[in-house]
């Protein structure tokens, strides 16, 4: 399985550390990955792994869509990445998984609502974020997977368990996704 990651956050915060640890944990499980990010430092930190190809730094969902090679499933790590995932599913029939951290309802923006509704799965790191998605009556699966903490004492065991949970969701997305691409 080849997983494409899109992370268009420009700041390097705790979410960036979680992202790095997730890519590293998936790499230890020999998952082939392609990463597109908006943060140059983040790109440099994940470029050191053997099974990870890092594309050029991208600043927009359209650019991420254009530069993402053929992958089996996309993991969009933020709302902007989710827009790229939406484009990929509509034009290439590539399923995408969206990480949603906000504990607020998705609102009325039709693009945001479509992005959330068409995701093969929503991953929420907190119960509050999952409750917000369920309150929005999301039809697809909503999974709670805690972020990988850099403070964890059993980091390798925890990281591998979290990587395994992500792989389960990626496989489920592949097994259940049957939306044809738009004809353009």
C-alpha atoms as a PDB file:
ATOM      1  CA  UNK A   1       0.000   0.000   0.000  1.00  0.00           C
ATOM      2  CA  UNK A   2       1.253   3.460  -0.882  1.00  0.00           C
ATOM      3  CA  UNK A   3       0.030   6.256   1.392  1.00  0.00           C
ATOM      4  CA  UNK A   4       0.135   9.919   0.428  1.00  0.00           C
ATOM      5  CA  UNK A   5       0.260  12.447   3.258  1.00  0.00           C
ATOM      6  CA  UNK A   6      -0.766  16.075   2.830  1.00  0.00           C
ATOM      7  CA  UNK A   7      -0.008  18.493   5.668  1.00  0.00           C
ATOM      8  CA  UNK A   8      -0.439  22.132   4.676  1.00  0.00           C
ATOM      9  CA  UNK A   9       0.046  23.634   8.149  1.00  0.00           C
ATOM     10  CA  UNK A  10       2.852  26.183   8.012  1.00  0.00           C
ATOM     11  CA  UNK A  11       3.784  26.201  11.694  1.00  0.00           C
ATOM     12  CA  UNK A  12       5.802  23.526  13.439  1.00  0.00           C
ATOM     13  CA  UNK A  13       3.874  22.773  16.631  1.00  0.00           C
ATOM     14  CA  UNK A  14       2.762  19.677  18.517  1.00  0.00           C
ATOM     15  CA  UNK A  15       0.743  18.552  15.498  1.00  0.00           C
ATOM     16  CA  UNK A  16       3.928  18.663  13.416  1.00  0.00           C
ATOM     17  CA  UNK A  17       5.705  16.480  15.964  1.00  0.00           C
ATOM     18  CA  UNK A  18       2.816  13.989  15.866  1.00  0.00           C
ATOM     19  CA  UNK A  19       3.005  13.993  12.058  1.00  0.00           C
ATOM     20  CA  UNK A  20       6.740  13.218  12.112  1.00  0.00           C
ATOM     21  CA  UNK A  21       6.289  10.415  14.637  1.00  0.00           C
ATOM     22  CA  UNK A  22       3.423   8.916  12.603  1.00  0.00           C
ATOM     23  CA  UNK A  23       5.450   8.940   9.362  1.00  0.00           C
ATOM     24  CA  UNK A  24       8.372   7.372  11.252  1.00  0.00           C
ATOM     25  CA  UNK A  25       6.164   4.682  12.815  1.00  0.00           C
ATOM     26  CA  UNK A  26       4.608   3.836   9.440  1.00  0.00           C
ATOM     27  CA  UNK A  27       8.094   3.688   7.914  1.00  0.00           C
ATOM     28  CA  UNK A  28       9.131   1.121  10.549  1.00  0.00           C
ATOM     29  CA  UNK A  29       6.194  -0.969   9.328  1.00  0.00           C
ATOM     30  CA  UNK A  30       7.614  -0.693   5.779  1.00  0.00           C
ATOM     31  CA  UNK A  31       4.739   1.422   4.448  1.00  0.00           C
ATOM     32  CA  UNK A  32       5.614   3.223   1.204  1.00  0.00           C
ATOM     33  CA  UNK A  33       4.754   6.908   1.727  1.00  0.00           C
ATOM     34  CA  UNK A  34       4.761  10.126  -0.280  1.00  0.00           C
ATOM     35  CA  UNK A  35       4.663  13.363   1.723  1.00  0.00           C
ATOM     36  CA  UNK A  36       3.636  16.852   0.624  1.00  0.00           C
ATOM     37  CA  UNK A  37       3.959  19.606   3.217  1.00  0.00           C
ATOM     38  CA  UNK A  38       3.904  23.404   3.377  1.00  0.00           C
ATOM     39  CA  UNK A  39       6.643  23.653   6.004  1.00  0.00           C
ATOM     40  CA  UNK A  40      10.254  23.334   4.795  1.00  0.00           C
ATOM     41  CA  UNK A  41      11.530  22.201   8.221  1.00  0.00           C
ATOM     42  CA  UNK A  42       8.876  19.483   8.355  1.00  0.00           C
ATOM     43  CA  UNK A  43       9.866  18.295   4.875  1.00  0.00           C
ATOM     44  CA  UNK A  44      13.485  18.021   5.990  1.00  0.00           C
ATOM     45  CA  UNK A  45      12.608  16.050   9.103  1.00  0.00           C
ATOM     46  CA  UNK A  46      10.663  13.338   7.222  1.00  0.00           C
ATOM     47  CA  UNK A  47      12.984  13.153   4.198  1.00  0.00           C
ATOM     48  CA  UNK A  48      15.500  11.004   6.115  1.00  0.00           C
ATOM     49  CA  UNK A  49      13.361   7.829   6.103  1.00  0.00           C
ATOM     50  CA  UNK A  50      13.907   5.069   3.540  1.00  0.00           C
ATOM     51  CA  UNK A  51      10.304   4.417   2.455  1.00  0.00           C
ATOM     52  CA  UNK A  52       9.317   8.098   2.424  1.00  0.00           C
ATOM     53  CA  UNK A  53       9.460  10.284  -0.684  1.00  0.00           C
ATOM     54  CA  UNK A  54       9.057  13.984  -0.028  1.00  0.00           C
ATOM     55  CA  UNK A  55       7.724  16.180  -2.794  1.00  0.00           C
ATOM     56  CA  UNK A  56       8.421  19.871  -3.122  1.00  0.00           C
ATOM     57  CA  UNK A  57       7.050  22.236  -0.498  1.00  0.00           C
ATOM     58  CA  UNK A  58       3.492  23.161  -1.491  1.00  0.00           C
ATOM     59  CA  UNK A  59       1.353  26.050  -0.320  1.00  0.00           C
ATOM     60  CA  UNK A  60      -2.113  25.270  -1.641  1.00  0.00           C
ATOM     61  CA  UNK A  61      -4.554  22.376  -1.945  1.00  0.00           C
ATOM     62  CA  UNK A  62      -4.508  22.642  -5.748  1.00  0.00           C
ATOM     63  CA  UNK A  63      -0.716  22.427  -5.824  1.00  0.00           C
ATOM     64  CA  UNK A  64      -0.799  19.414  -3.462  1.00  0.00           C
ATOM     65  CA  UNK A  65      -3.373  17.760  -5.732  1.00  0.00           C
ATOM     66  CA  UNK A  66      -1.262  18.393  -8.835  1.00  0.00           C
ATOM     67  CA  UNK A  67       1.988  17.139  -7.288  1.00  0.00           C
ATOM     68  CA  UNK A  68       0.669  14.050  -5.509  1.00  0.00           C
ATOM     69  CA  UNK A  69       1.717  10.991  -7.518  1.00  0.00           C
ATOM     70  CA  UNK A  70      -0.422   7.875  -7.830  1.00  0.00           C
ATOM     71  CA  UNK A  71      -1.106   6.569  -4.311  1.00  0.00           C
ATOM     72  CA  UNK A  72      -3.606   4.085  -2.909  1.00  0.00           C
ATOM     73  CA  UNK A  73      -4.969   6.330  -0.157  1.00  0.00           C
ATOM     74  CA  UNK A  74      -4.365   9.918   0.949  1.00  0.00           C
ATOM     75  CA  UNK A  75      -4.193  11.043   4.568  1.00  0.00           C
ATOM     76  CA  UNK A  76      -5.054  14.735   4.798  1.00  0.00           C
ATOM     77  CA  UNK A  77      -3.764  16.057   8.106  1.00  0.00           C
ATOM     78  CA  UNK A  78      -5.621  19.401   8.076  1.00  0.00           C
ATOM     79  CA  UNK A  79      -8.532  21.175   6.412  1.00  0.00           C
ATOM     80  CA  UNK A  80      -6.475  22.523   3.509  1.00  0.00           C
ATOM     81  CA  UNK A  81      -5.084  19.066   2.869  1.00  0.00           C
ATOM     82  CA  UNK A  82      -8.661  17.802   2.960  1.00  0.00           C
ATOM     83  CA  UNK A  83      -9.486  20.046   0.021  1.00  0.00           C
ATOM     84  CA  UNK A  84      -6.683  18.363  -1.947  1.00  0.00           C
ATOM     85  CA  UNK A  85      -8.073  14.982  -0.857  1.00  0.00           C
ATOM     86  CA  UNK A  86     -11.505  16.004  -2.109  1.00  0.00           C
ATOM     87  CA  UNK A  87     -10.026  16.903  -5.510  1.00  0.00           C
ATOM     88  CA  UNK A  88      -8.231  13.560  -5.642  1.00  0.00           C
ATOM     89  CA  UNK A  89     -11.331  11.557  -4.850  1.00  0.00           C
ATOM     90  CA  UNK A  90     -13.462  13.462  -7.363  1.00  0.00           C
ATOM     91  CA  UNK A  91     -10.969  13.244 -10.241  1.00  0.00           C
ATOM     92  CA  UNK A  92      -8.844  10.160  -9.526  1.00  0.00           C
ATOM     93  CA  UNK A  93     -11.140   8.055  -7.326  1.00  0.00           C
ATOM     94  CA  UNK A  94      -8.435   7.992  -4.664  1.00  0.00           C
ATOM     95  CA  UNK A  95      -9.959   7.597  -1.194  1.00  0.00           C
ATOM     96  CA  UNK A  96      -8.816   9.980   1.504  1.00  0.00           C
ATOM     97  CA  UNK A  97      -8.810   9.978   5.264  1.00  0.00           C
ATOM     98  CA  UNK A  98      -9.070  13.297   7.086  1.00  0.00           C
ATOM     99  CA  UNK A  99      -7.685  14.189  10.489  1.00  0.00           C
ATOM    100  CA  UNK A 100     -10.061  16.667  12.119  1.00  0.00           C
ATOM    101  CA  UNK A 101      -8.872  18.273  15.340  1.00  0.00           C
ATOM    102  CA  UNK A 102     -11.552  20.898  15.868  1.00  0.00           C
ATOM    103  CA  UNK A 103     -14.204  20.354  18.506  1.00  0.00           C
ATOM    104  CA  UNK A 104     -16.453  22.830  16.691  1.00  0.00           C
ATOM    105  CA  UNK A 105     -19.133  21.856  14.158  1.00  0.00           C
ATOM    106  CA  UNK A 106     -18.006  21.965  10.548  1.00  0.00           C
ATOM    107  CA  UNK A 107     -20.207  24.964   9.747  1.00  0.00           C
ATOM    108  CA  UNK A 108     -22.151  25.724   6.585  1.00  0.00           C
ATOM    109  CA  UNK A 109     -19.359  26.158   4.051  1.00  0.00           C
ATOM    110  CA  UNK A 110     -20.364  23.780   1.220  1.00  0.00           C
ATOM    111  CA  UNK A 111     -16.776  22.876   0.306  1.00  0.00           C
ATOM    112  CA  UNK A 112     -15.915  22.031   3.917  1.00  0.00           C
ATOM    113  CA  UNK A 113     -19.095  20.008   4.312  1.00  0.00           C
ATOM    114  CA  UNK A 114     -18.420  18.132   1.064  1.00  0.00           C
ATOM    115  CA  UNK A 115     -14.819  17.495   2.110  1.00  0.00           C
ATOM    116  CA  UNK A 116     -15.951  15.981   5.413  1.00  0.00           C
ATOM    117  CA  UNK A 117     -18.863  14.070   3.898  1.00  0.00           C
ATOM    118  CA  UNK A 118     -16.766  12.477   1.120  1.00  0.00           C
ATOM    119  CA  UNK A 119     -13.849  11.414   3.336  1.00  0.00           C
ATOM    120  CA  UNK A 120     -13.524   7.636   3.627  1.00  0.00           C
ATOM    121  CA  UNK A 121     -12.913   8.155   7.340  1.00  0.00           C
ATOM    122  CA  UNK A 122     -12.454  10.975   9.827  1.00  0.00           C
ATOM    123  CA  UNK A 123      -9.698  10.546  12.412  1.00  0.00           C
ATOM    124  CA  UNK A 124     -10.148  12.616  15.554  1.00  0.00           C
ATOM    125  CA  UNK A 125      -7.457  12.813  18.242  1.00  0.00           C
ATOM    126  CA  UNK A 126      -9.949  13.772  20.983  1.00  0.00           C
ATOM    127  CA  UNK A 127     -13.394  12.708  22.124  1.00  0.00           C
ATOM    128  CA  UNK A 128     -14.627  16.319  21.711  1.00  0.00           C
ATOM    129  CA  UNK A 129     -13.583  16.433  18.057  1.00  0.00           C
ATOM    130  CA  UNK A 130     -15.279  13.077  17.410  1.00  0.00           C
ATOM    131  CA  UNK A 131     -18.466  14.271  19.130  1.00  0.00           C
ATOM    132  CA  UNK A 132     -18.488  17.381  16.904  1.00  0.00           C
ATOM    133  CA  UNK A 133     -18.292  15.167  13.797  1.00  0.00           C
ATOM    134  CA  UNK A 134     -21.017  12.848  15.056  1.00  0.00           C
ATOM    135  CA  UNK A 135     -23.201  15.874  15.885  1.00  0.00           C
ATOM    136  CA  UNK A 136     -22.810  16.931  12.230  1.00  0.00           C
ATOM    137  CA  UNK A 137     -24.397  13.582  11.257  1.00  0.00           C
ATOM    138  CA  UNK A 138     -21.357  12.384   9.330  1.00  0.00           C
ATOM    139  CA  UNK A 139     -22.331   9.173   7.528  1.00  0.00           C
ATOM    140  CA  UNK A 140     -18.824   7.734   7.272  1.00  0.00           C
ATOM    141  CA  UNK A 141     -16.742   6.278  10.080  1.00  0.00           C
ATOM    142  CA  UNK A 142     -15.320   8.543  12.773  1.00  0.00           C
ATOM    143  CA  UNK A 143     -12.323   7.035  14.547  1.00  0.00           C
ATOM    144  CA  UNK A 144     -10.594   8.304  17.670  1.00  0.00           C
ATOM    145  CA  UNK A 145      -6.835   7.855  17.560  1.00  0.00           C
ATOM    146  CA  UNK A 146      -4.832   9.823  20.084  1.00  0.00           C
ATOM    147  CA  UNK A 147      -1.841  11.808  18.866  1.00  0.00           C
ATOM    148  CA  UNK A 148       1.581  10.294  19.361  1.00  0.00           C
ATOM    149  CA  UNK A 149       3.052  12.127  22.326  1.00  0.00           C
ATOM    150  CA  UNK A 150       6.723  12.965  22.394  1.00  0.00           C
ATOM    151  CA  UNK A 151       6.510  12.474  26.155  1.00  0.00           C
ATOM    152  CA  UNK A 152       5.409   8.825  25.994  1.00  0.00           C
ATOM    153  CA  UNK A 153       7.595   6.488  28.059  1.00  0.00           C
ATOM    154  CA  UNK A 154       6.862   3.455  25.870  1.00  0.00           C
ATOM    155  CA  UNK A 155       7.232   5.396  22.638  1.00  0.00           C
ATOM    156  CA  UNK A 156       8.091   2.544  20.250  1.00  0.00           C
ATOM    157  CA  UNK A 157       5.221   0.348  21.479  1.00  0.00           C
ATOM    158  CA  UNK A 158       2.765   3.256  21.479  1.00  0.00           C
ATOM    159  CA  UNK A 159       3.922   4.575  18.095  1.00  0.00           C
ATOM    160  CA  UNK A 160       3.627   1.119  16.508  1.00  0.00           C
ATOM    161  CA  UNK A 161       0.127   0.626  17.964  1.00  0.00           C
ATOM    162  CA  UNK A 162      -0.978   4.013  16.615  1.00  0.00           C
ATOM    163  CA  UNK A 163       0.614   3.246  13.230  1.00  0.00           C
ATOM    164  CA  UNK A 164      -1.259  -0.078  13.165  1.00  0.00           C
ATOM    165  CA  UNK A 165      -4.535   1.752  13.886  1.00  0.00           C
ATOM    166  CA  UNK A 166      -3.856   4.134  10.998  1.00  0.00           C
ATOM    167  CA  UNK A 167      -3.073   1.208   8.694  1.00  0.00           C
ATOM    168  CA  UNK A 168      -6.367  -0.438   9.669  1.00  0.00           C
ATOM    169  CA  UNK A 169      -8.220   2.749   8.694  1.00  0.00           C
ATOM    170  CA  UNK A 170      -6.281   3.065   5.414  1.00  0.00           C
ATOM    171  CA  UNK A 171      -7.122  -0.555   4.520  1.00  0.00           C
ATOM    172  CA  UNK A 172     -10.775  -0.034   5.406  1.00  0.00           C
ATOM    173  CA  UNK A 173     -10.813   3.044   3.156  1.00  0.00           C
ATOM    174  CA  UNK A 174      -9.425   0.979   0.289  1.00  0.00           C
ATOM    175  CA  UNK A 175     -11.827  -1.906   0.903  1.00  0.00           C
ATOM    176  CA  UNK A 176     -14.982   0.198   1.081  1.00  0.00           C
ATOM    177  CA  UNK A 177     -14.285   3.017  -1.354  1.00  0.00           C
ATOM    178  CA  UNK A 178     -16.243   2.743  -4.577  1.00  0.00           C
ATOM    179  CA  UNK A 179     -16.790   6.324  -5.778  1.00  0.00           C
ATOM    180  CA  UNK A 180     -15.990   6.727  -9.484  1.00  0.00           C
ATOM    181  CA  UNK A 181     -13.932   9.695 -10.633  1.00  0.00           C
ATOM    182  CA  UNK A 182     -15.600  12.538 -12.481  1.00  0.00           C
ATOM    183  CA  UNK A 183     -15.166  12.510 -16.214  1.00  0.00           C
ATOM    184  CA  UNK A 184     -13.371  15.673 -17.203  1.00  0.00           C
END
